[in-house]
Structure formats: structure tokens, C-alpha cells
Amino acid sequence: MNMMRCEFAVGIDVSRDLSKRKGAMLLRADAQNLPFRDGSFDLITLFSLIEHVPRPDVCLSESIRTLRSDGQLFFQLPNRYFPIELHSGLPLYFYLPKRIRDWLAVTAGLSGMTKIDVPSLRRVRKMLKMIQPSLQLVAVGFYYPEGYLPDSRVLKFFHWIMRRLHIFRILPMGYVGFVSCQTQA
């Protein structure tokens, strides 16, 4: 893989006023409606973002639109089918119907969870194929270090057991994806 030298970075956040830092421009913007021209970037990273936007397909489409023709997109997202939801520590959360998930989140005092919808890796692949059929996604499963988990004794105990039994090899906590926009010859 050809590593690119970063000459200038741009970061966005929809909810915060951001200030300019050396070597980076931080903007208040929506990832579903990026204020950049087509082909503006060599590299785009979406870490812990896709599950937080109402339309992940639009977010991915905007990211692909703003990549150069030989650009690269990296993203990270939790595994929807992991038995414990990683934002909240709630068990089997995404196995439940949406109405029950929302009720559970509000009852547990986690009303912000009603806005989170983690897409499956399969769904992300389908979204990318709809955006541009030639895109190839390479995804690698991983597990979060204990320090990144929500403050939950149950989740940390579950994590400890799974790590010792090497279960993360077959049931990752999340995925890191790489998409190359380079056209295949």
C-alpha cells in the first residue's frame, strides 16, 4: 500500500464549534452533506461515525464523492451482532426490534442510544456497491482494549472471558474497513 504524506488535514463535527489548529482545519459540517468539491481528498477516515448518522449510505456516498479517483477511505464501526452493545453495555441490544430497543434505552436512562443504529458489515458492503459497483471493501475484525469499553463490570468481565477463550477471533467486537477507489485494470 502506498502511504501518502499528509500536508493538510481537515476535520469536521456537526455539533461543535471548532477552531483552527496548526496543520489542520476543523469545521462545523455534516458528514451527510460535505462542503467540499468532488475529488478534494486523498484519504478520508470515518472512525466511530457511521452508526451515528441518520443516513450512513449518504455519509459513505459523500465520502466517496469527495475522494480523488485514486483515494482511500478508512472506517471503523462496532460489530452489530456482538452480544453486548458497545456504546451502552446493554446485552443483545441490536437483536431486539427497534421499538423495544428504544424503550430499553430510555428506561435505562440512555435516550441518546435511540439515535444510534450500527449497520452490519454486510449492509455497509451493499451501500458501497450501490454507490459505486467497482469499489472493493477489505474489512478486518478487531476487539477493543478494555480501557475503551463503557464503564460496565458485566461488559468488562465478559470481555475478559472472551479474550482468554480467543472468541474474538471468530466474533470481533468491531471492524476496520478499507476502501480503495482505484479502478481495477
Protein backbone atom coordinates (compact mmCIF):
# COMPACT_ATOMS: atom_id res chain seq x y z
CA MET A 1 0.00 0.00 0.00
CA ASN A 2 1.31 3.43 -0.92
CA MET A 3 1.36 5.66 2.20
CA MET A 4 0.60 9.30 1.47
CA ARG A 5 2.25 12.22 3.21
CA CYS A 6 -0.27 14.41 4.99
CA GLU A 7 0.25 18.04 4.02
CA PHE A 8 -3.00 19.32 5.44
CA ALA A 9 -5.85 17.74 7.34
CA VAL A 10 -9.49 18.75 7.65
CA GLY A 11 -11.71 17.54 10.48
CA ILE A 12 -15.46 18.01 10.77
CA ASP A 13 -18.02 17.76 13.56
CA VAL A 14 -21.70 18.56 13.20
CA SER A 15 -22.26 19.54 16.82
CA ARG A 16 -19.26 21.58 17.90
CA ASP A 17 -17.71 24.90 17.10
CA LEU A 18 -14.15 24.03 16.20
CA SER A 19 -11.09 26.19 15.99
CA LYS A 20 -8.14 26.14 13.61
CA ARG A 21 -5.07 24.20 14.72
CA LYS A 22 -1.61 24.04 13.20
CA GLY A 23 -1.68 21.77 10.15
CA ALA A 24 -5.42 21.12 10.38
CA MET A 25 -8.66 22.91 9.66
CA LEU A 26 -11.55 21.95 11.88
CA LEU A 27 -15.02 22.78 10.54
CA ARG A 28 -18.55 22.51 11.74
CA ALA A 29 -20.15 20.42 8.99
CA ASP A 30 -22.45 17.48 8.37
CA ALA A 31 -20.88 14.24 7.06
CA GLN A 32 -24.06 13.68 5.04
CA ASN A 33 -23.61 16.97 3.16
CA LEU A 34 -19.90 17.71 2.91
CA PRO A 35 -18.96 21.28 1.90
CA PHE A 36 -16.14 20.13 -0.38
CA ARG A 37 -15.77 19.76 -4.15
CA ASP A 38 -15.67 16.36 -5.81
CA GLY A 39 -12.24 14.75 -5.57
CA SER A 40 -10.93 17.04 -2.83
CA PHE A 41 -9.14 14.43 -0.70
CA ASP A 42 -6.59 11.63 -0.98
CA LEU A 43 -7.67 10.00 2.26
CA ILE A 44 -10.85 10.06 4.34
CA THR A 45 -11.28 8.40 7.73
CA LEU A 46 -14.62 7.73 9.39
CA PHE A 47 -13.91 6.45 12.89
CA SER A 48 -16.91 5.74 15.10
CA LEU A 49 -19.14 7.79 12.83
CA ILE A 50 -21.25 5.61 10.53
CA GLU A 51 -23.50 4.39 13.34
CA HIS A 52 -24.21 7.96 14.49
CA VAL A 53 -25.61 9.43 11.27
CA PRO A 54 -29.27 9.00 10.25
CA ARG A 55 -28.28 8.00 6.68
CA PRO A 56 -24.99 6.06 6.63
CA ASP A 57 -25.45 5.46 2.89
CA VAL A 58 -25.44 9.23 2.27
CA CYS A 59 -22.41 9.67 4.55
CA LEU A 60 -20.49 7.00 2.61
CA SER A 61 -21.63 8.45 -0.73
CA GLU A 62 -20.43 11.93 0.26
CA SER A 63 -17.10 10.49 1.40
CA ILE A 64 -16.62 8.65 -1.90
CA ARG A 65 -17.68 11.77 -3.85
CA THR A 66 -15.02 13.89 -2.16
CA LEU A 67 -12.23 11.33 -2.68
CA ARG A 68 -9.84 11.63 -5.59
CA SER A 69 -10.03 8.87 -8.19
CA ASP A 70 -7.10 7.08 -6.52
CA GLY A 71 -8.22 7.97 -2.98
CA GLN A 72 -8.63 5.76 0.04
CA LEU A 73 -11.37 5.54 2.66
CA PHE A 74 -10.84 4.02 6.10
CA PHE A 75 -13.67 3.48 8.56
CA GLN A 76 -14.26 1.81 11.88
CA LEU A 77 -17.55 0.63 13.33
CA PRO A 78 -18.72 -1.77 16.04
CA ASN A 79 -19.99 -5.24 15.16
CA ARG A 80 -23.80 -5.01 15.15
CA TYR A 81 -24.02 -8.68 16.11
CA PHE A 82 -21.67 -8.56 19.08
CA PRO A 83 -23.73 -9.78 22.08
CA ILE A 84 -23.18 -6.59 24.08
CA GLU A 85 -23.81 -3.17 22.56
CA LEU A 86 -20.52 -1.30 22.89
CA HIS A 87 -21.82 2.26 23.35
CA SER A 88 -24.01 1.37 26.32
CA GLY A 89 -23.10 -2.09 27.58
CA LEU A 90 -26.70 -3.30 27.04
CA PRO A 91 -26.91 -7.03 26.24
CA LEU A 92 -28.32 -8.25 22.91
CA TYR A 93 -29.41 -4.70 22.05
CA PHE A 94 -29.37 -4.96 18.25
CA TYR A 95 -31.02 -8.36 18.34
CA LEU A 96 -34.23 -6.64 19.51
CA PRO A 97 -36.85 -4.85 17.37
CA LYS A 98 -36.33 -1.06 17.16
CA ARG A 99 -39.36 -0.21 19.33
CA ILE A 100 -38.12 -2.46 22.13
CA ARG A 101 -34.54 -1.17 21.77
CA ASP A 102 -35.76 2.42 22.09
CA TRP A 103 -37.88 1.56 25.15
CA LEU A 104 -34.94 -0.26 26.77
CA ALA A 105 -32.56 2.63 26.11
CA VAL A 106 -34.94 5.25 27.52
CA THR A 107 -35.76 3.04 30.53
CA ALA A 108 -32.03 2.57 31.22
CA GLY A 109 -31.50 6.35 31.07
CA LEU A 110 -29.66 6.12 27.74
CA SER A 111 -32.05 8.05 25.48
CA GLY A 112 -29.15 9.02 23.17
CA MET A 113 -28.97 5.36 22.14
CA THR A 114 -32.24 5.74 20.22
CA LYS A 115 -30.29 7.70 17.58
CA ILE A 116 -27.56 5.07 17.16
CA ASP A 117 -28.02 2.34 14.57
CA VAL A 118 -24.96 0.23 13.85
CA PRO A 119 -25.11 -1.13 10.28
CA SER A 120 -23.88 -4.66 9.72
CA LEU A 121 -20.72 -5.14 7.69
CA ARG A 122 -22.88 -6.79 5.02
CA ARG A 123 -25.08 -3.68 4.85
CA VAL A 124 -22.01 -1.44 4.51
CA ARG A 125 -20.81 -3.61 1.61
CA LYS A 126 -24.22 -3.26 -0.08
CA MET A 127 -24.21 0.53 0.42
CA LEU A 128 -20.76 0.80 -1.17
CA LYS A 129 -21.82 -1.37 -4.14
CA MET A 130 -24.85 0.89 -4.68
CA ILE A 131 -22.64 4.00 -4.59
CA GLN A 132 -20.02 2.64 -6.99
CA PRO A 133 -20.11 -1.04 -8.08
CA SER A 134 -16.35 -1.18 -8.68
CA LEU A 135 -15.46 -0.36 -5.06
CA GLN A 136 -13.77 -3.14 -3.12
CA LEU A 137 -14.04 -3.29 0.66
CA VAL A 138 -11.46 -5.05 2.78
CA ALA A 139 -12.55 -5.38 6.41
CA VAL A 140 -10.66 -6.71 9.40
CA GLY A 141 -12.31 -7.67 12.68
CA PHE A 142 -10.81 -6.47 15.96
CA TYR A 143 -11.55 -6.21 19.63
CA TYR A 144 -11.39 -3.11 21.76
CA PRO A 145 -8.87 -2.90 24.60
CA GLU A 146 -10.61 -2.96 27.97
CA GLY A 147 -9.90 0.74 28.56
CA TYR A 148 -12.13 1.73 25.61
CA LEU A 149 -15.21 -0.07 26.90
CA PRO A 150 -18.14 1.60 28.68
CA ASP A 151 -17.85 1.52 32.48
CA SER A 152 -19.70 -1.75 32.99
CA ARG A 153 -18.49 -4.58 35.23
CA VAL A 154 -20.57 -7.07 33.26
CA LEU A 155 -19.07 -5.97 29.93
CA LYS A 156 -15.51 -5.97 31.31
CA PHE A 157 -15.98 -9.46 32.80
CA PHE A 158 -17.48 -10.69 29.52
CA HIS A 159 -14.54 -9.12 27.64
CA TRP A 160 -12.03 -10.82 29.98
CA ILE A 161 -13.59 -14.26 29.44
CA MET A 162 -13.87 -13.85 25.66
CA ARG A 163 -10.27 -12.68 25.37
CA ARG A 164 -8.98 -15.68 27.32
CA LEU A 165 -11.07 -18.11 25.25
CA HIS A 166 -9.90 -16.43 21.99
CA ILE A 167 -13.53 -15.89 20.95
CA PHE A 168 -12.69 -12.53 19.38
CA ARG A 169 -11.06 -14.44 16.51
CA ILE A 170 -14.50 -15.61 15.39
CA LEU A 171 -16.71 -12.89 16.89
CA PRO A 172 -14.98 -9.49 16.60
CA MET A 173 -16.21 -6.50 18.59
CA GLY A 174 -15.88 -4.27 15.56
CA TYR A 175 -14.39 -3.77 12.12
CA VAL A 176 -11.88 -1.57 10.43
CA GLY A 177 -12.64 -1.20 6.74
CA PHE A 178 -10.50 -0.02 3.86
CA VAL A 179 -11.93 1.06 0.52
CA SER A 180 -9.72 1.92 -2.41
CA CYS A 181 -11.27 4.00 -5.17
CA GLN A 182 -8.52 2.99 -7.58
CA THR A 183 -10.05 1.46 -10.69
CA GLN A 184 -9.05 -2.14 -11.33
CA ALA A 185 -7.31 -2.82 -14.68
